[in-house]
Amino acid sequence: MNFYDYFVDEMEEGKFKSFRHEHFFEEKNGVTIMTDQLQYETPFGIIGKLFDTLFLKNHLTNFLSMRNEILKKISENR
């Protein structure tokens, strides 16, 4: 964690083979911009990769987009 600029969530134990979610914050013209970087690896070899390609990647992208919209609404209404 770098206070005000960056923090990371990293799975130590769970259903993914690995999972790392980084959050970057920067100020541009008086506005805070948040950028997410998500890195993960599914278990179960080729079956996990197929599941990722067909379903998981899209689900995680939509989840992060919805979460970011909620955070934007909350932060802008203060």
PDB file of N, CA and C in Angstrom:
ATOM      1  N   MET A   1       0.839  -1.177   0.000  1.00  0.00           N
ATOM      2  CA  MET A   1       0.000   0.000   0.000  1.00  0.00           C
ATOM      3  C   MET A   1       0.884   1.241   0.000  1.00  0.00           C
ATOM      4  N   ASN A   2       0.549   2.183  -0.846  1.00  0.00           N
ATOM      5  CA  ASN A   2       1.184   3.491  -0.860  1.00  0.00           C
ATOM      6  C   ASN A   2       0.047   4.484  -0.656  1.00  0.00           C
ATOM      7  N   PHE A   3      -0.097   4.962   0.574  1.00  0.00           N
ATOM      8  CA  PHE A   3      -1.251   5.763   0.955  1.00  0.00           C
ATOM      9  C   PHE A   3      -1.539   6.850  -0.073  1.00  0.00           C
ATOM     10  N   TYR A   4      -2.788   6.952  -0.481  1.00  0.00           N
ATOM     11  CA  TYR A   4      -3.324   7.907  -1.449  1.00  0.00           C
ATOM     12  C   TYR A   4      -3.071   7.528  -2.907  1.00  0.00           C
ATOM     13  N   ASP A   5      -2.127   6.653  -3.205  1.00  0.00           N
ATOM     14  CA  ASP A   5      -1.788   6.354  -4.596  1.00  0.00           C
ATOM     15  C   ASP A   5      -2.104   4.931  -5.033  1.00  0.00           C
ATOM     16  N   TYR A   6      -2.031   3.970  -4.111  1.00  0.00           N
ATOM     17  CA  TYR A   6      -2.048   2.578  -4.535  1.00  0.00           C
ATOM     18  C   TYR A   6      -2.352   1.644  -3.371  1.00  0.00           C
ATOM     19  N   PHE A   7      -3.145   0.606  -3.648  1.00  0.00           N
ATOM     20  CA  PHE A   7      -3.219  -0.517  -2.727  1.00  0.00           C
ATOM     21  C   PHE A   7      -3.575  -1.774  -3.511  1.00  0.00           C
ATOM     22  N   VAL A   8      -3.310  -2.913  -2.904  1.00  0.00           N
ATOM     23  CA  VAL A   8      -3.533  -4.193  -3.575  1.00  0.00           C
ATOM     24  C   VAL A   8      -4.274  -5.155  -2.660  1.00  0.00           C
ATOM     25  N   ASP A   9      -5.211  -5.914  -3.256  1.00  0.00           N
ATOM     26  CA  ASP A   9      -5.861  -7.043  -2.594  1.00  0.00           C
ATOM     27  C   ASP A   9      -5.268  -8.291  -3.229  1.00  0.00           C
ATOM     28  N   GLU A  10      -4.755  -9.175  -2.413  1.00  0.00           N
ATOM     29  CA  GLU A  10      -4.181 -10.390  -2.971  1.00  0.00           C
ATOM     30  C   GLU A  10      -4.672 -11.593  -2.185  1.00  0.00           C
ATOM     31  N   MET A  11      -5.202 -12.565  -2.894  1.00  0.00           N
ATOM     32  CA  MET A  11      -5.738 -13.768  -2.281  1.00  0.00           C
ATOM     33  C   MET A  11      -4.593 -14.619  -1.744  1.00  0.00           C
ATOM     34  N   GLU A  12      -4.724 -15.030  -0.502  1.00  0.00           N
ATOM     35  CA  GLU A  12      -3.751 -15.948   0.079  1.00  0.00           C
ATOM     36  C   GLU A  12      -4.270 -17.374   0.040  1.00  0.00           C
ATOM     37  N   GLU A  13      -5.597 -17.499   0.063  1.00  0.00           N
ATOM     38  CA  GLU A  13      -6.217 -18.812   0.075  1.00  0.00           C
ATOM     39  C   GLU A  13      -7.618 -18.667  -0.501  1.00  0.00           C
ATOM     40  N   GLY A  14      -8.019 -19.563  -1.383  1.00  0.00           N
ATOM     41  CA  GLY A  14      -9.360 -19.469  -1.946  1.00  0.00           C
ATOM     42  C   GLY A  14      -9.530 -20.338  -3.169  1.00  0.00           C
ATOM     43  N   LYS A  15     -10.532 -19.998  -3.965  1.00  0.00           N
ATOM     44  CA  LYS A  15     -10.921 -20.837  -5.097  1.00  0.00           C
ATOM     45  C   LYS A  15     -10.082 -20.615  -6.338  1.00  0.00           C
ATOM     46  N   PHE A  16      -9.395 -19.498  -6.424  1.00  0.00           N
ATOM     47  CA  PHE A  16      -8.532 -19.234  -7.570  1.00  0.00           C
ATOM     48  C   PHE A  16      -7.143 -19.821  -7.299  1.00  0.00           C
ATOM     49  N   LYS A  17      -6.443 -20.138  -8.364  1.00  0.00           N
ATOM     50  CA  LYS A  17      -5.045 -20.560  -8.216  1.00  0.00           C
ATOM     51  C   LYS A  17      -4.217 -19.368  -7.734  1.00  0.00           C
ATOM     52  N   SER A  18      -4.520 -18.186  -8.298  1.00  0.00           N
ATOM     53  CA  SER A  18      -3.951 -16.921  -7.810  1.00  0.00           C
ATOM     54  C   SER A  18      -4.925 -15.801  -8.156  1.00  0.00           C
ATOM     55  N   PHE A  19      -4.881 -14.734  -7.362  1.00  0.00           N
ATOM     56  CA  PHE A  19      -5.788 -13.597  -7.572  1.00  0.00           C
ATOM     57  C   PHE A  19      -5.151 -12.355  -6.972  1.00  0.00           C
ATOM     58  N   ARG A  20      -4.931 -11.340  -7.807  1.00  0.00           N
ATOM     59  CA  ARG A  20      -4.312 -10.085  -7.368  1.00  0.00           C
ATOM     60  C   ARG A  20      -5.077  -8.924  -8.009  1.00  0.00           C
ATOM     61  N   HIS A  21      -5.551  -8.008  -7.179  1.00  0.00           N
ATOM     62  CA  HIS A  21      -6.334  -6.866  -7.642  1.00  0.00           C
ATOM     63  C   HIS A  21      -5.649  -5.587  -7.153  1.00  0.00           C
ATOM     64  N   GLU A  22      -5.092  -4.844  -8.105  1.00  0.00           N
ATOM     65  CA  GLU A  22      -4.387  -3.609  -7.773  1.00  0.00           C
ATOM     66  C   GLU A  22      -5.264  -2.405  -8.081  1.00  0.00           C
ATOM     67  N   HIS A  23      -5.168  -1.376  -7.235  1.00  0.00           N
ATOM     68  CA  HIS A  23      -5.926  -0.137  -7.370  1.00  0.00           C
ATOM     69  C   HIS A  23      -4.928   1.020  -7.448  1.00  0.00           C
ATOM     70  N   PHE A  24      -4.982   1.780  -8.519  1.00  0.00           N
ATOM     71  CA  PHE A  24      -4.094   2.923  -8.713  1.00  0.00           C
ATOM     72  C   PHE A  24      -4.936   4.195  -8.711  1.00  0.00           C
ATOM     73  N   PHE A  25      -4.459   5.229  -8.019  1.00  0.00           N
ATOM     74  CA  PHE A  25      -5.162   6.507  -7.944  1.00  0.00           C
ATOM     75  C   PHE A  25      -4.227   7.617  -8.407  1.00  0.00           C
ATOM     76  N   GLU A  26      -4.746   8.486  -9.268  1.00  0.00           N
ATOM     77  CA  GLU A  26      -3.969   9.646  -9.680  1.00  0.00           C
ATOM     78  C   GLU A  26      -4.910  10.835  -9.846  1.00  0.00           C
ATOM     79  N   GLU A  27      -4.359  12.012  -9.667  1.00  0.00           N
ATOM     80  CA  GLU A  27      -5.141  13.239  -9.816  1.00  0.00           C
ATOM     81  C   GLU A  27      -4.843  13.859 -11.174  1.00  0.00           C
ATOM     82  N   LYS A  28      -5.916  14.204 -11.884  1.00  0.00           N
ATOM     83  CA  LYS A  28      -5.791  14.905 -13.161  1.00  0.00           C
ATOM     84  C   LYS A  28      -6.802  16.042 -13.169  1.00  0.00           C
ATOM     85  N   ASN A  29      -6.298  17.257 -13.256  1.00  0.00           N
ATOM     86  CA  ASN A  29      -7.155  18.447 -13.306  1.00  0.00           C
ATOM     87  C   ASN A  29      -8.140  18.499 -12.146  1.00  0.00           C
ATOM     88  N   GLY A  30      -7.677  18.158 -10.954  1.00  0.00           N
ATOM     89  CA  GLY A  30      -8.516  18.237  -9.761  1.00  0.00           C
ATOM     90  C   GLY A  30      -9.495  17.084  -9.598  1.00  0.00           C
ATOM     91  N   VAL A  31      -9.379  16.056 -10.429  1.00  0.00           N
ATOM     92  CA  VAL A  31     -10.268  14.897 -10.370  1.00  0.00           C
ATOM     93  C   VAL A  31      -9.421  13.656 -10.096  1.00  0.00           C
ATOM     94  N   THR A  32      -9.905  12.800  -9.204  1.00  0.00           N
ATOM     95  CA  THR A  32      -9.201  11.561  -8.908  1.00  0.00           C
ATOM     96  C   THR A  32      -9.629  10.472  -9.887  1.00  0.00           C
ATOM     97  N   ILE A  33      -8.647   9.859 -10.513  1.00  0.00           N
ATOM     98  CA  ILE A  33      -8.883   8.765 -11.450  1.00  0.00           C
ATOM     99  C   ILE A  33      -8.407   7.470 -10.786  1.00  0.00           C
ATOM    100  N   MET A  34      -9.300   6.474 -10.742  1.00  0.00           N
ATOM    101  CA  MET A  34      -8.939   5.176 -10.195  1.00  0.00           C
ATOM    102  C   MET A  34      -8.840   4.182 -11.345  1.00  0.00           C
ATOM    103  N   THR A  35      -7.763   3.421 -11.371  1.00  0.00           N
ATOM    104  CA  THR A  35      -7.558   2.390 -12.379  1.00  0.00           C
ATOM    105  C   THR A  35      -7.359   1.059 -11.669  1.00  0.00           C
ATOM    106  N   ASP A  36      -8.074   0.036 -12.121  1.00  0.00           N
ATOM    107  CA  ASP A  36      -7.944  -1.309 -11.570  1.00  0.00           C
ATOM    108  C   ASP A  36      -7.081  -2.143 -12.495  1.00  0.00           C
ATOM    109  N   GLN A  37      -6.290  -3.007 -11.902  1.00  0.00           N
ATOM    110  CA  GLN A  37      -5.575  -4.018 -12.667  1.00  0.00           C
ATOM    111  C   GLN A  37      -5.818  -5.343 -11.965  1.00  0.00           C
ATOM    112  N   LEU A  38      -6.384  -6.278 -12.695  1.00  0.00           N
ATOM    113  CA  LEU A  38      -6.752  -7.572 -12.125  1.00  0.00           C
ATOM    114  C   LEU A  38      -5.947  -8.671 -12.815  1.00  0.00           C
ATOM    115  N   GLN A  39      -5.277  -9.462 -11.999  1.00  0.00           N
ATOM    116  CA  GLN A  39      -4.519 -10.611 -12.503  1.00  0.00           C
ATOM    117  C   GLN A  39      -4.985 -11.825 -11.715  1.00  0.00           C
ATOM    118  N   TYR A  40      -5.355 -12.871 -12.433  1.00  0.00           N
ATOM    119  CA  TYR A  40      -5.806 -14.080 -11.755  1.00  0.00           C
ATOM    120  C   TYR A  40      -5.502 -15.294 -12.614  1.00  0.00           C
ATOM    121  N   GLU A  41      -5.513 -16.433 -11.952  1.00  0.00           N
ATOM    122  CA  GLU A  41      -5.319 -17.695 -12.651  1.00  0.00           C
ATOM    123  C   GLU A  41      -6.325 -18.690 -12.092  1.00  0.00           C
ATOM    124  N   THR A  42      -7.023 -19.358 -12.983  1.00  0.00           N
ATOM    125  CA  THR A  42      -8.021 -20.327 -12.561  1.00  0.00           C
ATOM    126  C   THR A  42      -7.365 -21.687 -12.314  1.00  0.00           C
ATOM    127  N   PRO A  43      -7.958 -22.465 -11.411  1.00  0.00           N
ATOM    128  CA  PRO A  43      -7.466 -23.833 -11.203  1.00  0.00           C
ATOM    129  C   PRO A  43      -8.044 -24.774 -12.272  1.00  0.00           C
ATOM    130  N   PHE A  44      -7.758 -26.015 -12.181  1.00  0.00           N
ATOM    131  CA  PHE A  44      -8.339 -27.092 -13.003  1.00  0.00           C
ATOM    132  C   PHE A  44      -7.864 -27.096 -14.453  1.00  0.00           C
ATOM    133  N   GLY A  45      -6.654 -26.623 -14.689  1.00  0.00           N
ATOM    134  CA  GLY A  45      -6.027 -26.749 -16.005  1.00  0.00           C
ATOM    135  C   GLY A  45      -6.856 -26.221 -17.158  1.00  0.00           C
ATOM    136  N   ILE A  46      -6.998 -27.028 -18.189  1.00  0.00           N
ATOM    137  CA  ILE A  46      -7.685 -26.584 -19.405  1.00  0.00           C
ATOM    138  C   ILE A  46      -9.173 -26.313 -19.160  1.00  0.00           C
ATOM    139  N   ILE A  47      -9.778 -27.041 -18.236  1.00  0.00           N
ATOM    140  CA  ILE A  47     -11.192 -26.809 -17.908  1.00  0.00           C
ATOM    141  C   ILE A  47     -11.354 -25.427 -17.279  1.00  0.00           C
ATOM    142  N   GLY A  48     -10.446 -25.067 -16.381  1.00  0.00           N
ATOM    143  CA  GLY A  48     -10.479 -23.742 -15.772  1.00  0.00           C
ATOM    144  C   GLY A  48     -10.254 -22.644 -16.802  1.00  0.00           C
ATOM    145  N   LYS A  49      -9.350 -22.856 -17.736  1.00  0.00           N
ATOM    146  CA  LYS A  49      -9.090 -21.866 -18.788  1.00  0.00           C
ATOM    147  C   LYS A  49     -10.293 -21.709 -19.703  1.00  0.00           C
ATOM    148  N   LEU A  50     -10.962 -22.797 -20.017  1.00  0.00           N
ATOM    149  CA  LEU A  50     -12.163 -22.740 -20.840  1.00  0.00           C
ATOM    150  C   LEU A  50     -13.274 -21.979 -20.108  1.00  0.00           C
ATOM    151  N   PHE A  51     -13.461 -22.294 -18.823  1.00  0.00           N
ATOM    152  CA  PHE A  51     -14.461 -21.592 -18.011  1.00  0.00           C
ATOM    153  C   PHE A  51     -14.153 -20.095 -17.968  1.00  0.00           C
ATOM    154  N   ASP A  52     -12.872 -19.755 -17.818  1.00  0.00           N
ATOM    155  CA  ASP A  52     -12.454 -18.351 -17.800  1.00  0.00           C
ATOM    156  C   ASP A  52     -12.819 -17.672 -19.111  1.00  0.00           C
ATOM    157  N   THR A  53     -12.484 -18.303 -20.220  1.00  0.00           N
ATOM    158  CA  THR A  53     -12.745 -17.720 -21.536  1.00  0.00           C
ATOM    159  C   THR A  53     -14.239 -17.552 -21.797  1.00  0.00           C
ATOM    160  N   LEU A  54     -15.030 -18.557 -21.430  1.00  0.00           N
ATOM    161  CA  LEU A  54     -16.459 -18.535 -21.737  1.00  0.00           C
ATOM    162  C   LEU A  54     -17.279 -17.674 -20.778  1.00  0.00           C
ATOM    163  N   PHE A  55     -16.904 -17.612 -19.495  1.00  0.00           N
ATOM    164  CA  PHE A  55     -17.762 -16.966 -18.504  1.00  0.00           C
ATOM    165  C   PHE A  55     -17.049 -15.992 -17.565  1.00  0.00           C
ATOM    166  N   LEU A  56     -15.988 -16.457 -16.935  1.00  0.00           N
ATOM    167  CA  LEU A  56     -15.403 -15.748 -15.793  1.00  0.00           C
ATOM    168  C   LEU A  56     -14.856 -14.372 -16.150  1.00  0.00           C
ATOM    169  N   LYS A  57     -14.087 -14.266 -17.213  1.00  0.00           N
ATOM    170  CA  LYS A  57     -13.478 -12.981 -17.576  1.00  0.00           C
ATOM    171  C   LYS A  57     -14.545 -11.901 -17.766  1.00  0.00           C
ATOM    172  N   ASN A  58     -15.617 -12.231 -18.470  1.00  0.00           N
ATOM    173  CA  ASN A  58     -16.707 -11.288 -18.683  1.00  0.00           C
ATOM    174  C   ASN A  58     -17.402 -10.937 -17.363  1.00  0.00           C
ATOM    175  N   HIS A  59     -17.620 -11.941 -16.529  1.00  0.00           N
ATOM    176  CA  HIS A  59     -18.260 -11.705 -15.226  1.00  0.00           C
ATOM    177  C   HIS A  59     -17.427 -10.756 -14.363  1.00  0.00           C
ATOM    178  N   LEU A  60     -16.129 -11.001 -14.271  1.00  0.00           N
ATOM    179  CA  LEU A  60     -15.267 -10.151 -13.449  1.00  0.00           C
ATOM    180  C   LEU A  60     -15.181  -8.725 -13.999  1.00  0.00           C
ATOM    181  N   THR A  61     -15.129  -8.590 -15.309  1.00  0.00           N
ATOM    182  CA  THR A  61     -15.112  -7.257 -15.929  1.00  0.00           C
ATOM    183  C   THR A  61     -16.397  -6.501 -15.602  1.00  0.00           C
ATOM    184  N   ASN A  62     -17.538  -7.159 -15.744  1.00  0.00           N
ATOM    185  CA  ASN A  62     -18.825  -6.521 -15.423  1.00  0.00           C
ATOM    186  C   ASN A  62     -18.921  -6.185 -13.942  1.00  0.00           C
ATOM    187  N   PHE A  63     -18.455  -7.080 -13.088  1.00  0.00           N
ATOM    188  CA  PHE A  63     -18.483  -6.835 -11.646  1.00  0.00           C
ATOM    189  C   PHE A  63     -17.673  -5.593 -11.284  1.00  0.00           C
ATOM    190  N   LEU A  64     -16.460  -5.486 -11.820  1.00  0.00           N
ATOM    191  CA  LEU A  64     -15.622  -4.321 -11.524  1.00  0.00           C
ATOM    192  C   LEU A  64     -16.228  -3.038 -12.089  1.00  0.00           C
ATOM    193  N   SER A  65     -16.813  -3.108 -13.258  1.00  0.00           N
ATOM    194  CA  SER A  65     -17.455  -1.924 -13.846  1.00  0.00           C
ATOM    195  C   SER A  65     -18.625  -1.448 -12.992  1.00  0.00           C
ATOM    196  N   MET A  66     -19.455  -2.384 -12.546  1.00  0.00           N
ATOM    197  CA  MET A  66     -20.593  -2.017 -11.688  1.00  0.00           C
ATOM    198  C   MET A  66     -20.107  -1.449 -10.360  1.00  0.00           C
ATOM    199  N   ARG A  67     -19.098  -2.081  -9.775  1.00  0.00           N
ATOM    200  CA  ARG A  67     -18.545  -1.594  -8.507  1.00  0.00           C
ATOM    201  C   ARG A  67     -17.990  -0.189  -8.664  1.00  0.00           C
ATOM    202  N   ASN A  68     -17.294   0.055  -9.761  1.00  0.00           N
ATOM    203  CA  ASN A  68     -16.724   1.382  -9.993  1.00  0.00           C
ATOM    204  C   ASN A  68     -17.802   2.436 -10.186  1.00  0.00           C
ATOM    205  N   GLU A  69     -18.893   2.098 -10.840  1.00  0.00           N
ATOM    206  CA  GLU A  69     -20.006   3.039 -10.997  1.00  0.00           C
ATOM    207  C   GLU A  69     -20.614   3.393  -9.643  1.00  0.00           C
ATOM    208  N   ILE A  70     -20.762   2.402  -8.773  1.00  0.00           N
ATOM    209  CA  ILE A  70     -21.304   2.647  -7.427  1.00  0.00           C
ATOM    210  C   ILE A  70     -20.349   3.533  -6.638  1.00  0.00           C
ATOM    211  N   LEU A  71     -19.044   3.227  -6.688  1.00  0.00           N
ATOM    212  CA  LEU A  71     -18.060   4.060  -5.983  1.00  0.00           C
ATOM    213  C   LEU A  71     -18.066   5.496  -6.506  1.00  0.00           C
ATOM    214  N   LYS A  72     -18.216   5.659  -7.806  1.00  0.00           N
ATOM    215  CA  LYS A  72     -18.265   6.990  -8.410  1.00  0.00           C
ATOM    216  C   LYS A  72     -19.469   7.779  -7.897  1.00  0.00           C
ATOM    217  N   LYS A  73     -20.636   7.145  -7.887  1.00  0.00           N
ATOM    218  CA  LYS A  73     -21.855   7.808  -7.402  1.00  0.00           C
ATOM    219  C   LYS A  73     -21.725   8.198  -5.936  1.00  0.00           C
ATOM    220  N   ILE A  74     -21.206   7.283  -5.124  1.00  0.00           N
ATOM    221  CA  ILE A  74     -21.049   7.558  -3.688  1.00  0.00           C
ATOM    222  C   ILE A  74     -20.068   8.694  -3.472  1.00  0.00           C
ATOM    223  N   SER A  75     -18.935   8.657  -4.137  1.00  0.00           N
ATOM    224  CA  SER A  75     -17.902   9.665  -3.903  1.00  0.00           C
ATOM    225  C   SER A  75     -18.287  11.031  -4.451  1.00  0.00           C
ATOM    226  N   GLU A  76     -19.057  11.073  -5.514  1.00  0.00           N
ATOM    227  CA  GLU A  76     -19.451  12.360  -6.103  1.00  0.00           C
ATOM    228  C   GLU A  76     -20.614  13.011  -5.376  1.00  0.00           C
ATOM    229  N   ASN A  77     -21.327  12.253  -4.572  1.00  0.00           N
ATOM    230  CA  ASN A  77     -22.462  12.797  -3.821  1.00  0.00           C
ATOM    231  C   ASN A  77     -22.083  13.317  -2.452  1.00  0.00           C
ATOM    232  N   ARG A  78     -20.807  13.327  -2.145  1.00  0.00           N
ATOM    233  CA  ARG A  78     -20.361  13.814  -0.821  1.00  0.00           C
ATOM    234  C   ARG A  78     -20.017  15.254  -0.882  1.00  0.00           C
TER     235      ARG A  78
END
